[in-house]
Amino acid sequence: MILGRIGLFCLPTDNSLKQIVLKMSNTSTKYAIFSVVDAILTSIWTAILCGIVIFLLTHFWPHRVVPWIILLGSICSGILGIFILM
């Protein structure tokens, strides 16, 4: 049986009861940061893996990869600029 925990307090295994306990104790918003931390860690791992792949591609095939990287970089910069100006 897997039990959830909040500090030193155990939570029920039933999701509906767990949500009721979190709602009554006003701690549901305090633990919302964990989903943000999980998203940040996923983004970091994705960036690391993409960086390694790009590094290896540019190391072994620079003449083929560099024009594509410039093209993709300009497209991403344009999209980011549009989002910033919105």
Protein backbone atom coordinates (compact mmCIF):
# COMPACT_ATOMS: atom_id res chain seq x y z
CA MET A 1 0.00 0.00 0.00
CA ILE A 2 1.47 3.34 -1.07
CA LEU A 3 0.81 6.21 1.29
CA GLY A 4 1.22 9.85 0.45
CA ARG A 5 2.86 12.09 2.99
CA ILE A 6 2.76 15.75 3.94
CA GLY A 7 5.66 16.28 6.27
CA LEU A 8 4.99 13.99 9.21
CA PHE A 9 1.33 13.36 8.33
CA CYS A 10 0.19 10.40 6.22
CA LEU A 11 -2.46 10.90 3.55
CA PRO A 12 -5.17 8.41 2.52
CA THR A 13 -4.58 6.35 -0.59
CA ASP A 14 -8.00 7.16 -2.07
CA ASN A 15 -7.65 10.19 -4.37
CA SER A 16 -11.00 11.70 -3.43
CA LEU A 17 -10.20 11.48 0.29
CA LYS A 18 -6.71 12.85 -0.35
CA GLN A 19 -8.15 15.89 -2.15
CA ILE A 20 -10.60 16.47 0.70
CA VAL A 21 -7.80 16.35 3.28
CA LEU A 22 -5.64 18.72 1.22
CA LYS A 23 -8.57 21.10 0.76
CA MET A 24 -9.48 21.10 4.45
CA SER A 25 -5.87 21.61 5.57
CA ASN A 26 -5.19 24.45 3.08
CA THR A 27 -1.98 22.76 1.96
CA SER A 28 -2.94 21.96 -1.63
CA THR A 29 -1.53 25.26 -2.90
CA LYS A 30 1.64 24.89 -0.84
CA TYR A 31 2.60 21.74 -2.69
CA ALA A 32 1.76 23.03 -6.19
CA ILE A 33 5.42 24.10 -6.50
CA PHE A 34 6.39 20.45 -7.00
CA SER A 35 4.68 20.37 -10.41
CA VAL A 36 6.65 23.48 -11.38
CA VAL A 37 9.91 21.92 -10.20
CA ASP A 38 9.08 18.76 -12.16
CA ALA A 39 8.50 20.80 -15.34
CA ILE A 40 11.78 22.68 -14.84
CA LEU A 41 13.72 19.44 -14.33
CA THR A 42 12.15 17.93 -17.45
CA SER A 43 13.12 21.05 -19.43
CA ILE A 44 16.68 20.89 -18.13
CA TRP A 45 17.09 17.22 -19.10
CA THR A 46 15.60 17.91 -22.53
CA ALA A 47 17.96 20.85 -23.07
CA ILE A 48 20.97 18.78 -21.99
CA LEU A 49 20.09 15.93 -24.35
CA CYS A 50 19.40 18.30 -27.26
CA GLY A 51 22.67 20.12 -26.56
CA ILE A 52 24.66 16.90 -26.63
CA VAL A 53 23.02 15.82 -29.90
CA ILE A 54 23.63 19.22 -31.52
CA PHE A 55 27.24 19.22 -30.31
CA LEU A 56 27.91 15.76 -31.74
CA LEU A 57 26.22 16.61 -35.04
CA THR A 58 28.21 19.83 -35.46
CA HIS A 59 31.42 18.09 -34.44
CA PHE A 60 31.15 15.27 -36.99
CA TRP A 61 29.19 16.96 -39.83
CA PRO A 62 29.73 20.72 -39.49
CA HIS A 63 29.19 21.65 -43.15
CA ARG A 64 25.79 19.98 -43.28
CA VAL A 65 24.48 20.91 -39.83
CA VAL A 66 25.53 24.55 -39.40
CA PRO A 67 23.18 26.01 -42.08
CA TRP A 68 20.25 24.12 -40.54
CA ILE A 69 21.16 25.34 -37.05
CA ILE A 70 21.28 28.92 -38.34
CA LEU A 71 17.89 28.46 -40.01
CA LEU A 72 16.29 26.87 -36.93
CA GLY A 73 17.86 29.50 -34.68
CA SER A 74 16.42 32.32 -36.76
CA ILE A 75 12.98 30.71 -36.81
CA CYS A 76 13.04 30.20 -33.02
CA SER A 77 14.25 33.78 -32.50
CA GLY A 78 11.41 35.08 -34.66
CA ILE A 79 8.83 33.05 -32.76
CA LEU A 80 10.26 34.15 -29.42
CA GLY A 81 10.26 37.79 -30.58
CA ILE A 82 6.59 37.52 -31.55
CA PHE A 83 5.72 36.01 -28.16
CA ILE A 84 7.64 38.73 -26.33
CA LEU A 85 5.90 41.51 -28.28
CA MET A 86 2.46 40.04 -27.59
